[in-house]
Protein backbone atom coordinates (compact mmCIF):
# COMPACT_ATOMS: atom_id res chain seq x y z
CA MET A 1 -23.71 4.51 -29.35
CA LYS A 2 -19.66 3.94 -29.22
CA LYS A 3 -19.66 6.13 -25.95
CA LEU A 4 -22.12 4.27 -24.50
CA PHE A 5 -20.73 1.03 -25.24
CA ALA A 6 -17.33 2.26 -24.10
CA LEU A 7 -18.94 3.79 -20.61
CA ILE A 8 -20.66 0.40 -20.09
CA LEU A 9 -17.39 -1.43 -20.76
CA LEU A 10 -15.91 0.84 -18.28
CA ILE A 11 -18.38 0.48 -15.88
CA ALA A 12 -18.50 -3.54 -16.17
CA SER A 13 -14.59 -3.88 -15.89
CA ALA A 14 -14.67 -1.72 -12.85
CA SER A 15 -16.82 -3.99 -11.02
CA LEU A 16 -15.20 -7.27 -12.17
CA GLN A 17 -12.05 -6.84 -10.99
CA GLY A 18 -10.73 -8.84 -8.97
CA CYS A 19 -7.83 -9.80 -6.51
CA MET A 20 -6.66 -13.47 -5.36
CA THR A 21 -4.48 -14.44 -2.53
CA TYR A 22 -3.00 -18.09 -2.16
CA SER A 23 -0.50 -19.36 0.97
CA HIS A 24 2.50 -21.13 -0.19
CA HIS A 25 1.82 -23.58 2.77
CA SER A 26 4.92 -23.08 4.30
CA LEU A 27 3.83 -22.52 7.49
CA GLN A 28 6.12 -25.34 10.17
CA THR A 29 4.29 -27.27 12.85
CA VAL A 30 4.93 -25.23 16.38
CA ASP A 31 6.94 -27.33 18.29
CA GLN A 32 6.45 -27.14 22.49
CA TRP A 33 8.81 -24.15 24.00
CA PRO A 34 7.59 -24.62 27.34
CA LEU A 35 9.31 -21.70 29.12
CA ALA A 36 8.46 -23.46 32.67
CA SER A 37 6.90 -26.81 33.39
CA PRO A 38 3.46 -26.49 35.44
CA GLU A 39 4.83 -28.01 38.42
CA GLN A 40 7.58 -24.84 38.84
CA GLU A 41 6.95 -21.61 39.59
CA LYS A 42 5.27 -19.31 36.75
CA PRO A 43 7.08 -16.71 35.69
CA SER A 44 4.93 -13.04 35.02
CA VAL A 45 5.44 -11.98 31.68
CA TYR A 46 5.60 -8.24 29.99
CA LEU A 47 5.12 -8.25 26.40
CA LYS A 48 5.83 -6.08 23.53
CA VAL A 49 4.54 -6.44 19.87
CA PHE A 50 5.92 -4.23 16.73
CA GLY A 51 5.55 -4.42 13.15
CA GLU A 52 7.95 -3.80 10.78
CA TYR A 53 6.57 -3.49 6.82
CA GLN A 54 8.72 -3.56 3.50
CA VAL A 55 7.99 -2.91 0.30
CA ASN A 56 10.89 -4.27 -2.45
CA ASP A 57 13.36 -3.84 0.33
CA ASN A 58 11.83 0.07 0.77
CA PRO A 59 11.16 0.37 4.45
CA ARG A 60 7.75 1.43 5.17
CA VAL A 61 5.04 2.42 7.28
CA SER A 62 3.78 -0.26 8.94
CA THR A 63 -0.43 -0.49 8.36
CA ALA A 64 -0.19 -3.54 10.62
CA ASP A 65 -3.19 -3.75 13.78
CA VAL A 66 -0.39 -4.11 16.12
CA ALA A 67 -2.57 -3.81 18.77
CA LYS A 68 -5.29 -6.20 17.96
CA LEU A 69 -1.98 -8.66 17.80
CA GLU A 70 -0.90 -7.82 21.14
CA GLN A 71 -4.40 -9.04 22.36
CA VAL A 72 -4.35 -12.24 20.52
CA ILE A 73 -0.82 -13.43 21.92
CA SER A 74 -1.40 -11.70 25.17
CA GLN A 75 -4.58 -14.20 25.51
CA THR A 76 -2.93 -17.10 23.98
CA LEU A 77 -0.33 -17.16 26.70
CA SER A 78 -2.47 -16.45 29.86
CA GLU A 79 -4.71 -19.46 28.14
CA SER A 80 -1.80 -21.39 27.99
CA GLY A 81 -1.53 -21.52 32.16
CA ARG A 82 2.30 -21.10 31.84
CA PHE A 83 2.34 -17.40 33.47
CA SER A 84 1.34 -16.40 36.18
CA ARG A 85 0.75 -12.86 34.78
CA VAL A 86 1.09 -11.05 31.48
CA THR A 87 0.79 -7.74 30.82
CA THR A 88 1.54 -5.27 28.10
CA ALA A 89 2.11 -2.46 30.47
CA GLN A 90 5.55 -1.48 31.42
CA GLU A 91 5.97 -2.70 34.18
CA GLU A 92 8.55 -5.23 36.57
CA SER A 93 8.58 -9.01 35.54
CA ASP A 94 10.59 -12.23 35.21
CA LEU A 95 10.42 -13.11 31.64
CA TYR A 96 10.66 -10.01 28.69
CA LEU A 97 8.65 -11.51 25.27
CA THR A 98 9.29 -8.97 21.90
CA VAL A 99 7.28 -9.84 19.25
CA THR A 100 8.30 -8.78 15.81
CA LEU A 101 5.80 -9.31 12.64
CA HIS A 102 7.78 -8.76 9.62
CA ASN A 103 6.06 -8.27 6.16
CA HIS A 104 8.15 -8.35 3.25
CA GLU A 105 6.38 -7.05 0.29
CA THR A 106 8.00 -8.03 -3.52
CA GLY A 107 6.85 -7.21 -6.43
CA ASN A 108 6.93 -5.28 -9.93
CA MET A 109 5.66 -1.60 -9.37
CA GLY A 110 5.75 -0.81 -13.10
CA LEU A 111 3.33 -4.18 -13.73
CA ALA A 112 1.48 -3.18 -11.03
CA VAL A 113 0.64 0.01 -12.72
CA LEU A 114 -0.05 -1.40 -16.43
CA THR A 115 -2.49 -3.38 -14.29
CA GLY A 116 -4.78 -0.40 -12.79
CA ALA A 117 -3.64 1.14 -16.33
CA THR A 118 -5.39 -1.55 -18.34
CA PHE A 119 -8.30 -2.03 -16.05
CA PHE A 120 -6.87 -5.51 -14.86
CA LEU A 121 -6.93 -6.92 -18.23
CA ILE A 122 -3.28 -7.54 -17.69
CA PRO A 123 -2.61 -9.19 -14.73
CA GLY A 124 0.11 -7.96 -11.71
CA ALA A 125 0.98 -10.53 -8.70
CA PHE A 126 2.72 -9.37 -5.71
CA ASP A 127 4.47 -11.67 -2.74
CA ASN A 128 4.68 -10.94 0.66
CA THR A 129 6.74 -12.98 3.33
CA LEU A 130 4.75 -12.50 6.40
CA THR A 131 7.63 -13.12 9.42
CA MET A 132 6.49 -13.46 13.01
CA SER A 133 9.90 -13.68 15.47
CA MET A 134 10.11 -13.87 19.27
CA ALA A 135 12.53 -12.90 21.52
CA VAL A 136 12.41 -14.16 25.76
CA ARG A 137 14.80 -12.22 27.61
CA ASP A 138 15.10 -12.59 31.39
CA GLY A 139 14.82 -9.91 34.26
CA ASN A 140 18.95 -9.42 33.15
CA GLY A 141 18.41 -8.33 29.19
CA GLU A 142 19.95 -11.54 28.72
CA LYS A 143 18.05 -14.15 26.07
CA LEU A 144 16.89 -16.94 26.79
CA GLY A 145 15.91 -17.52 23.24
CA THR A 146 13.94 -16.64 20.19
CA ALA A 147 11.19 -18.77 17.99
CA GLN A 148 10.46 -17.18 14.54
CA GLN A 149 7.77 -18.73 11.83
CA GLN A 150 7.03 -17.71 7.99
CA GLU A 151 4.55 -17.70 5.68
CA SER A 152 4.50 -16.64 2.16
CA LEU A 153 1.43 -15.28 0.48
CA THR A 154 0.72 -14.81 -3.10
CA THR A 155 -1.82 -12.09 -4.65
CA TRP A 156 -2.42 -11.79 -7.63
CA MET A 157 -4.56 -9.00 -9.69
CA HIS A 158 -6.68 -9.80 -12.87
CA LEU A 159 -10.09 -8.46 -14.55
CA PHE A 160 -11.77 -11.92 -14.72
CA LEU A 161 -10.69 -13.10 -11.16
CA ILE A 162 -13.73 -11.67 -10.76
CA PHE A 163 -15.10 -15.63 -11.59
CA ALA A 164 -13.17 -17.30 -9.06
CA VAL A 165 -14.63 -15.82 -6.02
CA PRO A 166 -17.30 -18.96 -6.53
CA PHE A 167 -14.88 -21.07 -5.70
CA GLN A 168 -13.03 -19.62 -2.64
């Protein structure tokens, strides 16, 4: 009977564990930064996107979907109507945009192991600071400007967070 109870408890704890991520809402409103007014000749743009990832200040392999991010940024730039051509193919252009998505994750690894070992009974948390920076260069490689936005997210892991799911 004790083994059956322990098995039911193990299955219940494995199925009820959960994670919850919330934003700190630190992302500021984007200001307009037109590179060319609509009346001027529209420049062509070459876009390159990179992803960087760190865990507690240790560089790791980025798991960001850079291809999808590149597609979204390229589409947004094209739809802005300010550029004659936006390309990710390496070819000569008027402007060269480099976008880097940096994810810096911080948290206590010992607590993460303890959270997993106790089947999420002891809660754990990790913070992610997402920073997207863009550098704009002309055809000669001179920097014309930069823009940067940052947002912080906290993820809590705990057995009883499953009860928070209906209140998303």
